[in-house]
Structure formats: C-alpha cells, structure tokens
C-alpha cells in the first residue's frame, strides 16, 4: 500500500501535498493532520509517514505516536483527533457510497457493485475521498482510469 498513485504525480517529487496513502493511514490512526503541519516536515519525515506500517493495532499506535512527535517537534502543538470507525466506509463492499455514485455519474461512469467489490480498500478510500463535495473532484476521473475502470 505504500505507493503513490499516478494521479498524484504532479506533487510526488516535492511531496507538497499529503499523498492518499498517508491520508489513508491518518484515517486509520485517527489523526487530523493539517497541510500546514505536513509542510513543516522534511522530505525524509514525509517519506517515513509513507513507509511506516499502519495496519495492525501496535503499528497503528506507533504510527500515531510518531506523527504526534513530528507535529509537536515542528510546531509545539499536537494534531487534532478524528473518530476511527470500527467499520469504515471503504471496507463496505456491499454498498457504493452515494458520493461515489454521484461523482461517477458526473464523469460518465456507471459503477457497478461488482466493480466496487473488486477495488482494494485503499482504492475505495481514494474514490470516497475524491468524491466528497468539499474536496476538489478533478482527480476522481484520473483515479477511476488508474484503477482500470472505463466509462460506459
């Protein structure tokens, strides 16, 4: 999972934005990281947040602690918390979230439940994040294309 997506290529070299793989880990460990905090980190520190595992309880706690330390060392404050769901939306393969369906229709895609089931959890996470109304949706179609889903 520690990869960059092709639709993130415009900022990968500098890591000026928070990559989806890190955003996925942030939601997993319950930390609200501001872009302002992210911009304070060195490239090596940003890369560490890409590389560190964050899937099982001990790793999740270590990731959270590492992130807290980074933010506190750079800013003197702690990042905010976000609720962690026991069953996040991207783990649900039985229902396509409304925001994803709506954004799919906007870009001319008819997303089926079978396609949704076949996406990996991080791919579903990405589509959910990129389909939200408060998010710039320009990368939704490139993500769909990257995940090998073609319009109908």
N, C-alpha and C. Protein backbone atom coordinates (compact mmCIF):
# COMPACT_ATOMS: atom_id res chain seq x y z
N UNK A 1 0.80 -1.19 0.00
CA UNK A 1 0.00 0.00 0.00
C UNK A 1 0.85 1.26 0.00
N UNK A 2 2.10 1.16 0.29
CA UNK A 2 2.96 2.34 0.36
C UNK A 2 3.37 2.77 -1.03
N UNK A 3 2.41 3.25 -1.79
CA UNK A 3 2.70 3.71 -3.14
C UNK A 3 1.99 5.01 -3.40
N UNK A 4 2.50 5.69 -4.38
CA UNK A 4 1.84 6.90 -4.85
C UNK A 4 0.96 6.51 -6.02
N UNK A 5 -0.10 7.21 -6.18
CA UNK A 5 -0.97 6.97 -7.33
C UNK A 5 -0.53 7.87 -8.47
N UNK A 6 -0.80 7.43 -9.69
CA UNK A 6 -0.42 8.21 -10.87
C UNK A 6 -1.07 9.59 -10.85
N UNK A 7 -2.30 9.69 -10.36
CA UNK A 7 -2.97 10.99 -10.36
C UNK A 7 -2.33 11.97 -9.36
N UNK A 8 -1.41 11.49 -8.54
CA UNK A 8 -0.68 12.33 -7.61
C UNK A 8 0.69 12.77 -8.16
N UNK A 9 0.98 12.41 -9.39
CA UNK A 9 2.31 12.63 -9.98
C UNK A 9 2.76 14.08 -9.96
N UNK A 10 1.84 15.01 -10.00
CA UNK A 10 2.22 16.42 -10.06
C UNK A 10 2.84 16.95 -8.77
N UNK A 11 2.74 16.20 -7.68
CA UNK A 11 3.34 16.68 -6.43
C UNK A 11 4.22 15.65 -5.72
N UNK A 12 4.42 14.50 -6.32
CA UNK A 12 5.15 13.42 -5.66
C UNK A 12 6.62 13.78 -5.40
N UNK A 13 7.26 14.43 -6.34
CA UNK A 13 8.68 14.76 -6.15
C UNK A 13 8.92 15.63 -4.93
N UNK A 14 8.06 16.60 -4.72
CA UNK A 14 8.24 17.52 -3.60
C UNK A 14 7.42 17.12 -2.37
N UNK A 15 6.43 16.26 -2.58
CA UNK A 15 5.50 15.88 -1.52
C UNK A 15 4.88 17.11 -0.86
N UNK A 16 4.53 18.09 -1.67
CA UNK A 16 3.91 19.32 -1.14
C UNK A 16 2.50 19.07 -0.64
N UNK A 17 1.86 18.03 -1.13
CA UNK A 17 0.53 17.64 -0.67
C UNK A 17 0.62 16.31 0.06
N UNK A 18 -0.39 16.01 0.86
CA UNK A 18 -0.40 14.76 1.60
C UNK A 18 -0.90 13.65 0.67
N UNK A 19 -0.07 12.66 0.39
CA UNK A 19 -0.48 11.58 -0.51
C UNK A 19 -1.63 10.76 0.09
N UNK A 20 -2.39 10.16 -0.80
CA UNK A 20 -3.54 9.35 -0.37
C UNK A 20 -3.12 8.21 0.56
N UNK A 21 -1.97 7.62 0.34
CA UNK A 21 -1.53 6.52 1.21
C UNK A 21 -1.36 7.01 2.64
N UNK A 22 -0.87 8.24 2.81
CA UNK A 22 -0.74 8.81 4.15
C UNK A 22 -2.11 9.20 4.68
N UNK A 23 -2.96 9.75 3.84
CA UNK A 23 -4.31 10.12 4.28
C UNK A 23 -5.08 8.88 4.77
N UNK A 24 -4.86 7.77 4.09
CA UNK A 24 -5.47 6.50 4.49
C UNK A 24 -5.00 6.12 5.90
N UNK A 25 -3.70 6.26 6.14
CA UNK A 25 -3.14 5.95 7.45
C UNK A 25 -3.63 6.92 8.51
N UNK A 26 -3.80 8.19 8.14
CA UNK A 26 -4.32 9.18 9.09
C UNK A 26 -5.72 8.79 9.56
N UNK A 27 -6.55 8.37 8.62
CA UNK A 27 -7.91 7.94 8.98
C UNK A 27 -7.88 6.66 9.80
N UNK A 28 -6.88 5.82 9.55
CA UNK A 28 -6.74 4.57 10.29
C UNK A 28 -6.32 4.81 11.73
N UNK A 29 -5.43 5.78 11.94
CA UNK A 29 -4.92 6.02 13.30
C UNK A 29 -5.65 7.16 14.01
N UNK A 30 -6.57 7.84 13.32
CA UNK A 30 -7.38 8.86 13.97
C UNK A 30 -6.71 10.19 14.21
N UNK A 31 -5.86 10.60 13.27
CA UNK A 31 -5.16 11.89 13.40
C UNK A 31 -5.59 12.83 12.29
N UNK A 32 -5.89 14.06 12.66
CA UNK A 32 -6.22 15.12 11.71
C UNK A 32 -4.95 15.93 11.49
N UNK A 33 -4.27 15.68 10.37
CA UNK A 33 -3.04 16.38 10.05
C UNK A 33 -3.34 17.52 9.11
N UNK A 34 -2.96 18.72 9.50
CA UNK A 34 -3.17 19.89 8.66
C UNK A 34 -2.06 19.96 7.61
N UNK A 35 -2.39 20.51 6.45
CA UNK A 35 -1.39 20.70 5.41
C UNK A 35 -0.26 21.59 5.93
N UNK A 36 -0.59 22.53 6.77
CA UNK A 36 0.41 23.40 7.40
C UNK A 36 1.43 22.57 8.18
N UNK A 37 0.94 21.56 8.92
CA UNK A 37 1.86 20.68 9.65
C UNK A 37 2.72 19.88 8.68
N UNK A 38 2.07 19.31 7.69
CA UNK A 38 2.76 18.50 6.68
C UNK A 38 3.89 19.30 6.04
N UNK A 39 3.64 20.56 5.73
CA UNK A 39 4.64 21.38 5.05
C UNK A 39 5.86 21.67 5.93
N UNK A 40 5.73 21.50 7.22
CA UNK A 40 6.85 21.70 8.14
C UNK A 40 7.82 20.51 8.15
N UNK A 41 7.36 19.36 7.73
CA UNK A 41 8.18 18.15 7.79
C UNK A 41 9.23 18.15 6.69
N UNK A 42 10.36 17.51 6.98
CA UNK A 42 11.40 17.32 5.96
C UNK A 42 10.90 16.25 4.98
N UNK A 43 11.56 16.17 3.84
CA UNK A 43 11.21 15.14 2.87
C UNK A 43 11.38 13.74 3.48
N UNK A 44 12.43 13.55 4.27
CA UNK A 44 12.66 12.25 4.92
C UNK A 44 11.55 11.93 5.91
N UNK A 45 11.08 12.92 6.64
CA UNK A 45 9.98 12.70 7.59
C UNK A 45 8.68 12.36 6.86
N UNK A 46 8.45 13.05 5.76
CA UNK A 46 7.26 12.75 4.95
C UNK A 46 7.35 11.32 4.41
N UNK A 47 8.54 10.96 3.95
CA UNK A 47 8.73 9.61 3.43
C UNK A 47 8.53 8.57 4.53
N UNK A 48 8.94 8.89 5.75
CA UNK A 48 8.73 7.94 6.85
C UNK A 48 7.25 7.68 7.07
N UNK A 49 6.43 8.71 6.87
CA UNK A 49 4.99 8.54 7.03
C UNK A 49 4.39 7.71 5.90
N UNK A 50 5.07 7.70 4.76
CA UNK A 50 4.66 6.81 3.66
C UNK A 50 5.06 5.37 3.98
N UNK A 51 6.24 5.21 4.56
CA UNK A 51 6.83 3.88 4.70
C UNK A 51 6.37 3.10 5.94
N UNK A 52 6.11 3.80 7.02
CA UNK A 52 5.76 3.10 8.26
C UNK A 52 4.45 2.33 8.10
N UNK A 53 4.40 1.11 8.63
CA UNK A 53 3.15 0.34 8.56
C UNK A 53 2.08 0.93 9.48
N UNK A 54 0.84 0.71 9.11
CA UNK A 54 -0.28 1.23 9.91
C UNK A 54 -1.51 0.35 9.66
N UNK A 55 -1.36 -0.95 9.93
CA UNK A 55 -2.46 -1.86 9.66
C UNK A 55 -2.96 -2.63 10.87
N UNK A 56 -2.05 -3.01 11.76
CA UNK A 56 -2.46 -3.74 12.96
C UNK A 56 -2.29 -2.84 14.18
N UNK A 57 -2.98 -3.16 15.25
CA UNK A 57 -3.06 -2.28 16.42
C UNK A 57 -1.71 -1.73 16.90
N UNK A 58 -0.69 -2.56 17.09
CA UNK A 58 0.58 -1.99 17.56
C UNK A 58 1.19 -1.00 16.56
N UNK A 59 1.09 -1.32 15.26
CA UNK A 59 1.62 -0.42 14.23
C UNK A 59 0.83 0.88 14.18
N UNK A 60 -0.48 0.77 14.32
CA UNK A 60 -1.33 1.95 14.30
C UNK A 60 -0.97 2.88 15.45
N UNK A 61 -0.78 2.32 16.63
CA UNK A 61 -0.41 3.14 17.79
C UNK A 61 0.97 3.77 17.60
N UNK A 62 1.90 3.01 17.06
CA UNK A 62 3.25 3.53 16.82
C UNK A 62 3.21 4.65 15.77
N UNK A 63 2.42 4.46 14.73
CA UNK A 63 2.29 5.47 13.68
C UNK A 63 1.72 6.76 14.27
N UNK A 64 0.68 6.62 15.06
CA UNK A 64 0.03 7.76 15.71
C UNK A 64 1.04 8.50 16.59
N UNK A 65 1.79 7.77 17.38
CA UNK A 65 2.78 8.36 18.27
C UNK A 65 3.88 9.08 17.48
N UNK A 66 4.34 8.44 16.42
CA UNK A 66 5.36 9.05 15.56
C UNK A 66 4.85 10.36 14.97
N UNK A 67 3.63 10.34 14.50
CA UNK A 67 3.02 11.52 13.90
C UNK A 67 2.86 12.64 14.94
N UNK A 68 2.39 12.28 16.12
CA UNK A 68 2.27 13.27 17.20
C UNK A 68 3.62 13.91 17.50
N UNK A 69 4.66 13.07 17.59
CA UNK A 69 6.01 13.58 17.86
C UNK A 69 6.49 14.53 16.77
N UNK A 70 6.26 14.16 15.52
CA UNK A 70 6.68 15.02 14.41
C UNK A 70 6.01 16.39 14.49
N UNK A 71 4.70 16.37 14.65
CA UNK A 71 3.96 17.64 14.69
C UNK A 71 4.41 18.47 15.89
N UNK A 72 4.52 17.83 17.03
CA UNK A 72 4.90 18.56 18.24
C UNK A 72 6.32 19.13 18.12
N UNK A 73 7.23 18.36 17.57
CA UNK A 73 8.61 18.83 17.41
C UNK A 73 8.71 20.02 16.46
N UNK A 74 7.85 20.04 15.44
CA UNK A 74 7.92 21.13 14.45
C UNK A 74 7.06 22.34 14.82
N UNK A 75 5.97 22.12 15.52
CA UNK A 75 5.02 23.22 15.74
C UNK A 75 4.78 23.54 17.21
N UNK A 76 5.16 22.63 18.09
CA UNK A 76 4.88 22.83 19.50
C UNK A 76 3.45 22.50 19.89
N UNK A 77 2.69 21.99 18.97
CA UNK A 77 1.30 21.60 19.26
C UNK A 77 1.07 20.17 18.83
N UNK A 78 -0.05 19.62 19.25
CA UNK A 78 -0.44 18.28 18.84
C UNK A 78 -1.49 18.37 17.74
N UNK A 79 -1.47 17.42 16.82
CA UNK A 79 -2.53 17.41 15.80
C UNK A 79 -3.87 17.03 16.43
N UNK A 80 -4.94 17.36 15.75
CA UNK A 80 -6.26 17.01 16.22
C UNK A 80 -6.55 15.53 16.03
N UNK A 81 -7.62 15.09 16.64
CA UNK A 81 -8.06 13.71 16.51
C UNK A 81 -9.29 13.65 15.61
N UNK A 82 -9.45 12.54 14.96
CA UNK A 82 -10.68 12.24 14.22
C UNK A 82 -11.16 10.88 14.68
N UNK A 83 -12.45 10.70 14.66
CA UNK A 83 -13.03 9.42 15.07
C UNK A 83 -12.59 8.32 14.12
N UNK A 84 -12.29 7.17 14.69
CA UNK A 84 -11.93 5.99 13.91
C UNK A 84 -13.10 5.03 13.98
N UNK A 85 -13.61 4.70 12.81
CA UNK A 85 -14.74 3.78 12.73
C UNK A 85 -14.27 2.33 12.85
N UNK A 86 -15.07 1.53 13.52
CA UNK A 86 -14.79 0.10 13.57
C UNK A 86 -14.98 -0.55 12.20
N UNK A 87 -15.83 0.05 11.39
CA UNK A 87 -16.10 -0.46 10.04
C UNK A 87 -16.19 0.73 9.09
N UNK A 88 -15.01 1.23 8.65
CA UNK A 88 -15.03 2.40 7.77
C UNK A 88 -15.73 2.12 6.45
N UNK A 89 -16.23 3.18 5.88
CA UNK A 89 -17.00 3.14 4.64
C UNK A 89 -16.28 2.39 3.52
N UNK A 90 -14.98 2.54 3.43
CA UNK A 90 -14.22 1.90 2.36
C UNK A 90 -14.06 0.39 2.56
N UNK A 91 -14.42 -0.11 3.72
CA UNK A 91 -14.38 -1.56 3.95
C UNK A 91 -15.70 -2.21 3.52
N UNK A 92 -16.72 -1.40 3.34
CA UNK A 92 -18.03 -1.91 2.97
C UNK A 92 -18.08 -2.19 1.47
N UNK A 93 -18.14 -3.48 1.11
CA UNK A 93 -18.21 -3.84 -0.30
C UNK A 93 -19.65 -4.13 -0.75
N UNK A 94 -20.59 -3.95 0.16
CA UNK A 94 -21.99 -4.26 -0.15
C UNK A 94 -22.77 -3.05 -0.64
N UNK A 95 -22.20 -1.85 -0.45
CA UNK A 95 -22.90 -0.64 -0.86
C UNK A 95 -21.90 0.38 -1.39
N UNK A 96 -22.21 0.94 -2.55
CA UNK A 96 -21.39 2.02 -3.09
C UNK A 96 -21.86 3.31 -2.42
N UNK A 97 -20.97 4.05 -1.79
CA UNK A 97 -21.38 5.30 -1.15
C UNK A 97 -22.03 6.26 -2.15
N UNK A 98 -23.02 6.99 -1.67
CA UNK A 98 -23.76 7.91 -2.53
C UNK A 98 -22.85 8.92 -3.22
N UNK A 99 -21.86 9.43 -2.49
CA UNK A 99 -20.96 10.43 -3.08
C UNK A 99 -20.18 9.84 -4.26
N UNK A 100 -19.81 8.57 -4.16
CA UNK A 100 -19.07 7.91 -5.24
C UNK A 100 -19.99 7.68 -6.43
N UNK A 101 -21.20 7.24 -6.16
CA UNK A 101 -22.17 7.05 -7.25
C UNK A 101 -22.44 8.35 -7.97
N UNK A 102 -22.66 9.41 -7.21
CA UNK A 102 -22.95 10.72 -7.80
C UNK A 102 -21.79 11.21 -8.65
N UNK A 103 -20.59 11.16 -8.11
CA UNK A 103 -19.42 11.63 -8.85
C UNK A 103 -19.16 10.76 -10.07
N UNK A 104 -19.41 9.46 -9.96
CA UNK A 104 -19.26 8.56 -11.10
C UNK A 104 -20.18 8.98 -12.23
N UNK A 105 -21.41 9.28 -11.88
CA UNK A 105 -22.38 9.71 -12.90
C UNK A 105 -21.96 11.02 -13.54
N UNK A 106 -21.43 11.93 -12.74
CA UNK A 106 -20.98 13.23 -13.26
C UNK A 106 -19.90 13.05 -14.32
N UNK A 107 -18.99 12.10 -14.10
CA UNK A 107 -17.90 11.88 -15.07
C UNK A 107 -18.25 10.83 -16.12
N UNK A 108 -19.50 10.36 -16.13
CA UNK A 108 -19.96 9.44 -17.16
C UNK A 108 -19.61 7.98 -16.94
N UNK A 109 -19.47 7.60 -15.69
CA UNK A 109 -19.14 6.21 -15.35
C UNK A 109 -20.35 5.57 -14.69
N UNK A 110 -20.65 4.34 -15.09
CA UNK A 110 -21.68 3.56 -14.41
C UNK A 110 -20.94 2.52 -13.57
N UNK A 111 -20.75 2.83 -12.31
CA UNK A 111 -20.02 1.96 -11.40
C UNK A 111 -20.95 0.87 -10.88
N UNK A 112 -20.53 -0.38 -11.03
CA UNK A 112 -21.34 -1.50 -10.55
C UNK A 112 -20.84 -1.96 -9.19
N UNK A 113 -21.69 -2.66 -8.49
CA UNK A 113 -21.30 -3.21 -7.19
C UNK A 113 -20.15 -4.21 -7.35
N UNK A 114 -20.16 -4.97 -8.43
CA UNK A 114 -19.08 -5.93 -8.67
C UNK A 114 -17.74 -5.20 -8.84
N UNK A 115 -17.75 -4.07 -9.53
CA UNK A 115 -16.52 -3.29 -9.67
C UNK A 115 -16.08 -2.74 -8.32
N UNK A 116 -17.03 -2.22 -7.56
CA UNK A 116 -16.74 -1.68 -6.23
C UNK A 116 -16.10 -2.75 -5.35
N UNK A 117 -16.64 -3.95 -5.38
CA UNK A 117 -16.10 -5.06 -4.58
C UNK A 117 -14.67 -5.39 -4.96
N UNK A 118 -14.34 -5.24 -6.24
CA UNK A 118 -13.02 -5.61 -6.73
C UNK A 118 -11.93 -4.58 -6.43
N UNK A 119 -12.33 -3.38 -6.08
CA UNK A 119 -11.33 -2.39 -5.70
C UNK A 119 -10.71 -2.79 -4.37
N UNK A 120 -9.45 -2.45 -4.18
CA UNK A 120 -8.80 -2.67 -2.89
C UNK A 120 -9.36 -1.66 -1.89
N UNK A 121 -9.20 -1.90 -0.59
CA UNK A 121 -9.68 -0.92 0.39
C UNK A 121 -9.13 0.49 0.16
N UNK A 122 -7.85 0.60 -0.19
CA UNK A 122 -7.31 1.96 -0.40
C UNK A 122 -7.88 2.58 -1.66
N UNK A 123 -8.16 1.79 -2.68
CA UNK A 123 -8.80 2.35 -3.88
C UNK A 123 -10.20 2.85 -3.56
N UNK A 124 -10.95 2.08 -2.76
CA UNK A 124 -12.28 2.56 -2.34
C UNK A 124 -12.15 3.82 -1.50
N UNK A 125 -11.17 3.85 -0.60
CA UNK A 125 -10.90 5.04 0.22
C UNK A 125 -10.66 6.26 -0.67
N UNK A 126 -9.79 6.09 -1.67
CA UNK A 126 -9.46 7.18 -2.59
C UNK A 126 -10.71 7.69 -3.29
N UNK A 127 -11.51 6.78 -3.81
CA UNK A 127 -12.72 7.20 -4.53
C UNK A 127 -13.69 7.93 -3.61
N UNK A 128 -13.80 7.47 -2.39
CA UNK A 128 -14.67 8.14 -1.42
C UNK A 128 -14.14 9.55 -1.15
N UNK A 129 -12.85 9.67 -0.87
CA UNK A 129 -12.26 10.98 -0.58
C UNK A 129 -12.39 11.93 -1.76
N UNK A 130 -12.14 11.43 -2.96
CA UNK A 130 -12.18 12.28 -4.15
C UNK A 130 -13.59 12.61 -4.61
N UNK A 131 -14.58 11.95 -4.04
CA UNK A 131 -15.97 12.20 -4.46
C UNK A 131 -16.71 13.13 -3.50
N UNK A 132 -16.11 13.44 -2.38
CA UNK A 132 -16.79 14.27 -1.39
C UNK A 132 -16.96 15.69 -1.90
N UNK A 133 -18.07 16.32 -1.54
CA UNK A 133 -18.39 17.65 -2.07
C UNK A 133 -17.40 18.71 -1.63
N UNK A 134 -16.78 18.56 -0.47
CA UNK A 134 -15.83 19.57 -0.01
C UNK A 134 -14.43 19.37 -0.58
N UNK A 135 -14.26 18.35 -1.40
CA UNK A 135 -12.96 18.03 -1.98
C UNK A 135 -12.97 18.45 -3.45
N UNK A 136 -11.83 18.91 -3.92
CA UNK A 136 -11.71 19.19 -5.35
C UNK A 136 -11.78 17.85 -6.08
N UNK A 137 -12.73 17.70 -6.97
CA UNK A 137 -13.01 16.40 -7.59
C UNK A 137 -12.24 16.15 -8.88
N UNK A 138 -11.27 17.00 -9.21
CA UNK A 138 -10.59 16.86 -10.50
C UNK A 138 -9.84 15.54 -10.65
N UNK A 139 -9.44 14.91 -9.56
CA UNK A 139 -8.69 13.66 -9.65
C UNK A 139 -9.57 12.42 -9.60
N UNK A 140 -10.88 12.60 -9.50
CA UNK A 140 -11.77 11.44 -9.43
C UNK A 140 -11.67 10.60 -10.71
N UNK A 141 -11.84 11.24 -11.87
CA UNK A 141 -11.78 10.50 -13.13
C UNK A 141 -10.39 9.91 -13.37
N UNK A 142 -9.29 10.67 -13.15
CA UNK A 142 -7.97 10.03 -13.29
C UNK A 142 -7.79 8.82 -12.36
N UNK A 143 -8.35 8.88 -11.16
CA UNK A 143 -8.25 7.74 -10.24
C UNK A 143 -9.03 6.55 -10.80
N UNK A 144 -10.24 6.79 -11.26
CA UNK A 144 -11.06 5.73 -11.86
C UNK A 144 -10.30 5.08 -13.02
N UNK A 145 -9.71 5.92 -13.87
CA UNK A 145 -8.96 5.40 -15.01
C UNK A 145 -7.74 4.60 -14.55
N UNK A 146 -7.06 5.10 -13.52
CA UNK A 146 -5.91 4.39 -12.99
C UNK A 146 -6.29 3.04 -12.41
N UNK A 147 -7.48 2.95 -11.85
CA UNK A 147 -7.95 1.70 -11.26
C UNK A 147 -8.59 0.79 -12.32
N UNK A 148 -8.37 1.14 -13.59
CA UNK A 148 -8.80 0.33 -14.75
C UNK A 148 -10.30 0.19 -14.89
N UNK A 149 -11.00 1.26 -14.61
CA UNK A 149 -12.44 1.25 -14.79
C UNK A 149 -12.76 2.23 -15.92
N UNK A 150 -13.43 1.77 -16.91
CA UNK A 150 -13.73 2.60 -18.08
C UNK A 150 -15.18 3.03 -18.07
N UNK A 151 -15.45 4.16 -18.65
CA UNK A 151 -16.80 4.68 -18.75
C UNK A 151 -17.67 3.83 -19.64
N UNK A 152 -18.97 3.91 -19.40
CA UNK A 152 -19.92 3.13 -20.22
C UNK A 152 -20.69 4.08 -21.11
